[in-house]
């Protein structure tokens, strides 16, 4: 009887640890998505008839791409 209860307790504790890890990863992902959305909002407002604005936003995209800004990083 006690063995079953201890095993159940261990499984519940492991489930809680896994759940917390999932929530942390979800928070990182949501933050990453939010930052991408903000960048795309700025770039989406580009007046394509304004050469300087187009160049500025292209340069921004190049810098972000070169810095791996558009890749998801493994935080482990």
N, C-alpha and C. Protein backbone atom coordinates (compact mmCIF):
# COMPACT_ATOMS: atom_id res chain seq x y z
N UNK A 1 0.82 -1.20 0.00
CA UNK A 1 0.00 0.00 0.00
C UNK A 1 0.86 1.25 0.00
N UNK A 2 1.84 1.33 0.88
CA UNK A 2 2.68 2.53 0.96
C UNK A 2 3.56 2.68 -0.27
N UNK A 3 3.98 1.57 -0.82
CA UNK A 3 4.81 1.62 -2.03
C UNK A 3 4.04 2.30 -3.15
N UNK A 4 2.79 1.94 -3.30
CA UNK A 4 1.97 2.55 -4.35
C UNK A 4 1.84 4.05 -4.13
N UNK A 5 1.62 4.46 -2.90
CA UNK A 5 1.46 5.88 -2.57
C UNK A 5 2.76 6.64 -2.85
N UNK A 6 3.88 6.05 -2.49
CA UNK A 6 5.18 6.71 -2.74
C UNK A 6 5.45 6.83 -4.24
N UNK A 7 5.14 5.77 -4.99
CA UNK A 7 5.34 5.83 -6.44
C UNK A 7 4.44 6.90 -7.06
N UNK A 8 3.22 6.98 -6.60
CA UNK A 8 2.27 7.98 -7.11
C UNK A 8 2.77 9.39 -6.79
N UNK A 9 3.28 9.58 -5.57
CA UNK A 9 3.82 10.87 -5.16
C UNK A 9 5.00 11.26 -6.06
N UNK A 10 5.90 10.32 -6.33
CA UNK A 10 7.05 10.59 -7.19
C UNK A 10 6.61 10.97 -8.60
N UNK A 11 5.62 10.26 -9.12
CA UNK A 11 5.12 10.56 -10.46
C UNK A 11 4.47 11.94 -10.51
N UNK A 12 3.72 12.28 -9.48
CA UNK A 12 3.09 13.60 -9.42
C UNK A 12 4.15 14.70 -9.32
N UNK A 13 5.17 14.48 -8.52
CA UNK A 13 6.26 15.46 -8.41
C UNK A 13 6.98 15.63 -9.73
N UNK A 14 7.23 14.53 -10.44
CA UNK A 14 7.89 14.62 -11.75
C UNK A 14 7.00 15.34 -12.75
N UNK A 15 5.71 15.09 -12.70
CA UNK A 15 4.77 15.79 -13.58
C UNK A 15 4.80 17.29 -13.30
N UNK A 16 4.89 17.67 -12.05
CA UNK A 16 4.96 19.08 -11.68
C UNK A 16 6.25 19.72 -12.20
N UNK A 17 7.37 19.02 -12.06
CA UNK A 17 8.64 19.52 -12.58
C UNK A 17 8.56 19.70 -14.09
N UNK A 18 8.02 18.70 -14.78
CA UNK A 18 7.87 18.78 -16.24
C UNK A 18 6.94 19.93 -16.64
N UNK A 19 5.86 20.11 -15.91
CA UNK A 19 4.91 21.18 -16.20
C UNK A 19 5.58 22.56 -16.05
N UNK A 20 6.34 22.72 -14.97
CA UNK A 20 7.03 23.99 -14.75
C UNK A 20 8.06 24.26 -15.85
N UNK A 21 8.75 23.23 -16.28
CA UNK A 21 9.72 23.38 -17.37
C UNK A 21 9.00 23.78 -18.66
N UNK A 22 7.87 23.15 -18.93
CA UNK A 22 7.08 23.50 -20.11
C UNK A 22 6.64 24.96 -20.06
N UNK A 23 6.17 25.41 -18.90
CA UNK A 23 5.73 26.80 -18.75
C UNK A 23 6.88 27.78 -18.98
N UNK A 24 8.07 27.44 -18.48
CA UNK A 24 9.24 28.29 -18.68
C UNK A 24 9.58 28.38 -20.17
N UNK A 25 9.55 27.25 -20.85
CA UNK A 25 9.84 27.24 -22.28
C UNK A 25 8.77 28.01 -23.07
N UNK A 26 7.53 27.90 -22.62
CA UNK A 26 6.44 28.64 -23.25
C UNK A 26 6.67 30.15 -23.10
N UNK A 27 7.11 30.57 -21.93
CA UNK A 27 7.38 31.99 -21.68
C UNK A 27 8.49 32.50 -22.59
N UNK A 28 9.54 31.71 -22.75
CA UNK A 28 10.64 32.09 -23.65
C UNK A 28 10.13 32.20 -25.08
N UNK A 29 9.35 31.24 -25.51
CA UNK A 29 8.82 31.25 -26.87
C UNK A 29 7.90 32.46 -27.09
N UNK A 30 7.01 32.74 -26.15
CA UNK A 30 6.11 33.88 -26.29
C UNK A 30 6.87 35.20 -26.33
N UNK A 31 7.92 35.30 -25.55
CA UNK A 31 8.75 36.50 -25.57
C UNK A 31 9.43 36.65 -26.93
N UNK A 32 9.96 35.54 -27.44
CA UNK A 32 10.62 35.54 -28.76
C UNK A 32 9.62 35.95 -29.85
N UNK A 33 8.43 35.37 -29.81
CA UNK A 33 7.41 35.71 -30.81
C UNK A 33 7.00 37.17 -30.72
N UNK A 34 6.88 37.68 -29.52
CA UNK A 34 6.50 39.08 -29.33
C UNK A 34 7.55 40.02 -29.92
N UNK A 35 8.81 39.71 -29.69
CA UNK A 35 9.87 40.57 -30.24
C UNK A 35 9.88 40.53 -31.76
N UNK A 36 9.61 39.37 -32.34
CA UNK A 36 9.54 39.25 -33.81
C UNK A 36 8.36 40.04 -34.36
N UNK A 37 7.24 39.96 -33.65
CA UNK A 37 6.05 40.67 -34.07
C UNK A 37 6.28 42.18 -34.05
N UNK A 38 6.95 42.67 -33.01
CA UNK A 38 7.25 44.10 -32.92
C UNK A 38 8.15 44.54 -34.08
N UNK A 39 9.16 43.74 -34.39
CA UNK A 39 10.06 44.06 -35.49
C UNK A 39 9.30 44.08 -36.81
N UNK A 40 8.46 43.09 -37.01
CA UNK A 40 7.71 43.02 -38.27
C UNK A 40 6.70 44.16 -38.37
N UNK A 41 6.15 44.61 -37.25
CA UNK A 41 5.23 45.75 -37.26
C UNK A 41 5.95 47.01 -37.74
N UNK A 42 7.16 47.22 -37.23
CA UNK A 42 7.94 48.39 -37.65
C UNK A 42 8.27 48.30 -39.13
N UNK A 43 8.72 47.16 -39.56
CA UNK A 43 9.10 46.99 -40.96
C UNK A 43 7.87 47.02 -41.86
N UNK A 44 6.75 46.53 -41.36
CA UNK A 44 5.52 46.54 -42.13
C UNK A 44 4.99 47.93 -42.41
N UNK A 45 5.46 48.91 -41.66
CA UNK A 45 5.03 50.29 -41.87
C UNK A 45 5.92 51.03 -42.86
N UNK A 46 6.77 50.30 -43.54
CA UNK A 46 7.70 50.91 -44.49
C UNK A 46 6.94 51.52 -45.66
N UNK A 47 7.25 52.76 -45.92
CA UNK A 47 6.71 53.43 -47.10
C UNK A 47 7.61 53.06 -48.27
N UNK A 48 7.13 52.15 -49.12
CA UNK A 48 7.98 51.63 -50.19
C UNK A 48 8.31 52.68 -51.25
N UNK A 49 7.68 53.84 -51.19
CA UNK A 49 8.03 54.92 -52.12
C UNK A 49 9.17 55.77 -51.59
N UNK A 50 9.55 55.54 -50.33
CA UNK A 50 10.65 56.29 -49.71
C UNK A 50 11.90 55.41 -49.70
N UNK A 51 12.81 55.70 -50.62
CA UNK A 51 14.02 54.87 -50.76
C UNK A 51 14.83 54.79 -49.47
N UNK A 52 14.95 55.89 -48.76
CA UNK A 52 15.75 55.88 -47.53
C UNK A 52 15.12 54.98 -46.46
N UNK A 53 13.81 55.03 -46.35
CA UNK A 53 13.12 54.20 -45.37
C UNK A 53 13.27 52.72 -45.73
N UNK A 54 13.16 52.41 -47.02
CA UNK A 54 13.32 51.03 -47.47
C UNK A 54 14.73 50.54 -47.15
N UNK A 55 15.73 51.36 -47.45
CA UNK A 55 17.13 50.98 -47.17
C UNK A 55 17.35 50.78 -45.67
N UNK A 56 16.79 51.70 -44.87
CA UNK A 56 16.95 51.60 -43.42
C UNK A 56 16.36 50.29 -42.90
N UNK A 57 15.17 49.93 -43.36
CA UNK A 57 14.53 48.70 -42.88
C UNK A 57 15.22 47.46 -43.43
N UNK A 58 15.74 47.53 -44.64
CA UNK A 58 16.52 46.41 -45.16
C UNK A 58 17.79 46.20 -44.34
N UNK A 59 18.44 47.31 -43.99
CA UNK A 59 19.64 47.21 -43.14
C UNK A 59 19.30 46.62 -41.78
N UNK A 60 18.17 47.03 -41.23
CA UNK A 60 17.73 46.47 -39.94
C UNK A 60 17.54 44.96 -40.06
N UNK A 61 16.88 44.53 -41.11
CA UNK A 61 16.68 43.09 -41.31
C UNK A 61 18.00 42.35 -41.48
N UNK A 62 18.94 42.94 -42.21
CA UNK A 62 20.25 42.30 -42.40
C UNK A 62 20.98 42.16 -41.07
N UNK A 63 20.95 43.21 -40.27
CA UNK A 63 21.62 43.15 -38.96
C UNK A 63 20.97 42.08 -38.09
N UNK A 64 19.66 42.06 -38.06
CA UNK A 64 18.96 41.06 -37.25
C UNK A 64 19.25 39.65 -37.74
N UNK A 65 19.28 39.48 -39.05
CA UNK A 65 19.56 38.16 -39.61
C UNK A 65 21.00 37.73 -39.29
N UNK A 66 21.94 38.66 -39.45
CA UNK A 66 23.35 38.35 -39.17
C UNK A 66 23.58 38.00 -37.71
N UNK A 67 22.78 38.56 -36.83
CA UNK A 67 22.92 38.28 -35.39
C UNK A 67 22.05 37.10 -34.95
N UNK A 68 21.56 36.33 -35.91
CA UNK A 68 20.72 35.17 -35.62
C UNK A 68 19.46 35.54 -34.84
N UNK A 69 18.99 36.75 -35.05
CA UNK A 69 17.80 37.22 -34.35
C UNK A 69 16.57 36.41 -34.73
N UNK A 70 16.57 35.86 -35.95
CA UNK A 70 15.40 35.14 -36.43
C UNK A 70 15.47 33.64 -36.15
N UNK A 71 16.43 33.21 -35.39
CA UNK A 71 16.50 31.79 -35.06
C UNK A 71 16.15 31.59 -33.59
N UNK A 72 15.50 30.48 -33.31
CA UNK A 72 15.16 30.15 -31.92
C UNK A 72 16.40 29.53 -31.30
N UNK A 73 16.77 30.01 -30.14
CA UNK A 73 17.95 29.49 -29.46
C UNK A 73 17.53 28.51 -28.38
N UNK A 74 18.31 27.47 -28.26
CA UNK A 74 18.06 26.48 -27.21
C UNK A 74 18.70 26.98 -25.93
N UNK A 75 17.91 27.22 -24.91
CA UNK A 75 18.35 27.83 -23.68
C UNK A 75 18.95 26.81 -22.69
N UNK A 76 19.17 25.59 -23.11
CA UNK A 76 19.65 24.56 -22.19
C UNK A 76 21.14 24.63 -21.99
